[in-house]
């Protein structure tokens, strides 16, 4: 079996999409880029998709694992 980098094992060919850059603007309140098309304004990219969860079972606790849950900001 050929060795591939972790992220390349499930990579698929990318299909570029033309973007009308005149529809993209920066929202200083949200501090992200927004795109407006057909009267609808949406974030250009999302870096999260819901809650995040972290297991803190390491040397910092002595009584077993505990978890932490945060919510996305965008």
Protein backbone atom coordinates (compact mmCIF):
# COMPACT_ATOMS: atom_id res chain seq x y z
CA UNK A 1 0.00 0.00 0.00
CA UNK A 2 1.28 3.46 -0.86
CA UNK A 3 1.88 5.70 2.15
CA UNK A 4 -0.01 8.99 1.94
CA UNK A 5 -0.20 11.94 4.26
CA UNK A 6 -3.16 11.64 6.66
CA UNK A 7 -5.28 14.31 4.97
CA UNK A 8 -4.73 12.97 1.46
CA UNK A 9 -6.24 9.53 2.00
CA UNK A 10 -9.77 10.87 1.64
CA UNK A 11 -9.08 13.90 -0.56
CA UNK A 12 -11.32 14.53 -3.53
CA UNK A 13 -10.66 16.71 -6.55
CA UNK A 14 -11.64 20.33 -5.90
CA UNK A 15 -14.03 22.05 -8.27
CA UNK A 16 -13.35 25.80 -8.30
CA UNK A 17 -16.30 28.16 -8.21
CA UNK A 18 -16.13 31.69 -9.55
CA UNK A 19 -17.04 34.28 -6.92
CA UNK A 20 -18.18 37.79 -7.71
CA UNK A 21 -15.92 39.66 -5.29
CA UNK A 22 -18.18 42.73 -5.43
CA UNK A 23 -20.65 40.74 -3.27
CA UNK A 24 -18.09 40.10 -0.51
CA UNK A 25 -17.62 42.57 2.35
CA UNK A 26 -16.09 42.63 5.82
CA UNK A 27 -18.45 42.91 8.79
CA UNK A 28 -16.53 44.76 11.53
CA UNK A 29 -19.08 43.81 14.22
CA UNK A 30 -18.80 40.07 13.59
CA UNK A 31 -15.18 40.38 12.39
CA UNK A 32 -15.71 38.02 9.46
CA UNK A 33 -16.22 38.30 5.70
CA UNK A 34 -19.82 38.18 4.47
CA UNK A 35 -21.27 37.54 1.02
CA UNK A 36 -24.59 38.90 -0.26
CA UNK A 37 -26.39 37.12 -3.09
CA UNK A 38 -30.04 37.40 -4.05
CA UNK A 39 -30.78 39.62 -1.03
CA UNK A 40 -29.38 37.07 1.45
CA UNK A 41 -26.22 37.75 3.46
CA UNK A 42 -24.20 34.81 4.80
CA UNK A 43 -20.71 34.25 6.26
CA UNK A 44 -18.18 33.46 3.54
CA UNK A 45 -16.71 30.60 5.60
CA UNK A 46 -17.59 28.81 8.81
CA UNK A 47 -14.80 27.41 10.88
CA UNK A 48 -17.02 25.38 13.19
CA UNK A 49 -20.24 23.45 12.88
CA UNK A 50 -21.76 23.35 16.35
CA UNK A 51 -20.41 22.47 19.73
CA UNK A 52 -16.84 21.49 20.41
CA UNK A 53 -15.87 18.97 23.05
CA UNK A 54 -12.55 18.48 24.78
CA UNK A 55 -11.55 15.62 27.05
CA UNK A 56 -9.15 16.96 29.67
CA UNK A 57 -7.87 13.58 30.83
CA UNK A 58 -4.20 14.34 31.23
CA UNK A 59 -1.76 15.13 33.99
CA UNK A 60 -3.78 18.15 35.13
CA UNK A 61 -6.43 16.09 36.94
CA UNK A 62 -6.11 13.35 39.51
CA UNK A 63 -9.67 12.03 39.78
CA UNK A 64 -10.27 10.80 36.24
CA UNK A 65 -11.30 12.46 33.03
CA UNK A 66 -13.63 15.42 32.74
CA UNK A 67 -14.89 17.20 29.67
CA UNK A 68 -15.39 20.72 28.42
CA UNK A 69 -17.98 21.83 25.87
CA UNK A 70 -17.96 25.16 24.00
CA UNK A 71 -20.25 26.67 21.38
CA UNK A 72 -19.22 28.16 18.07
CA UNK A 73 -18.74 31.89 17.82
CA UNK A 74 -19.78 32.42 14.21
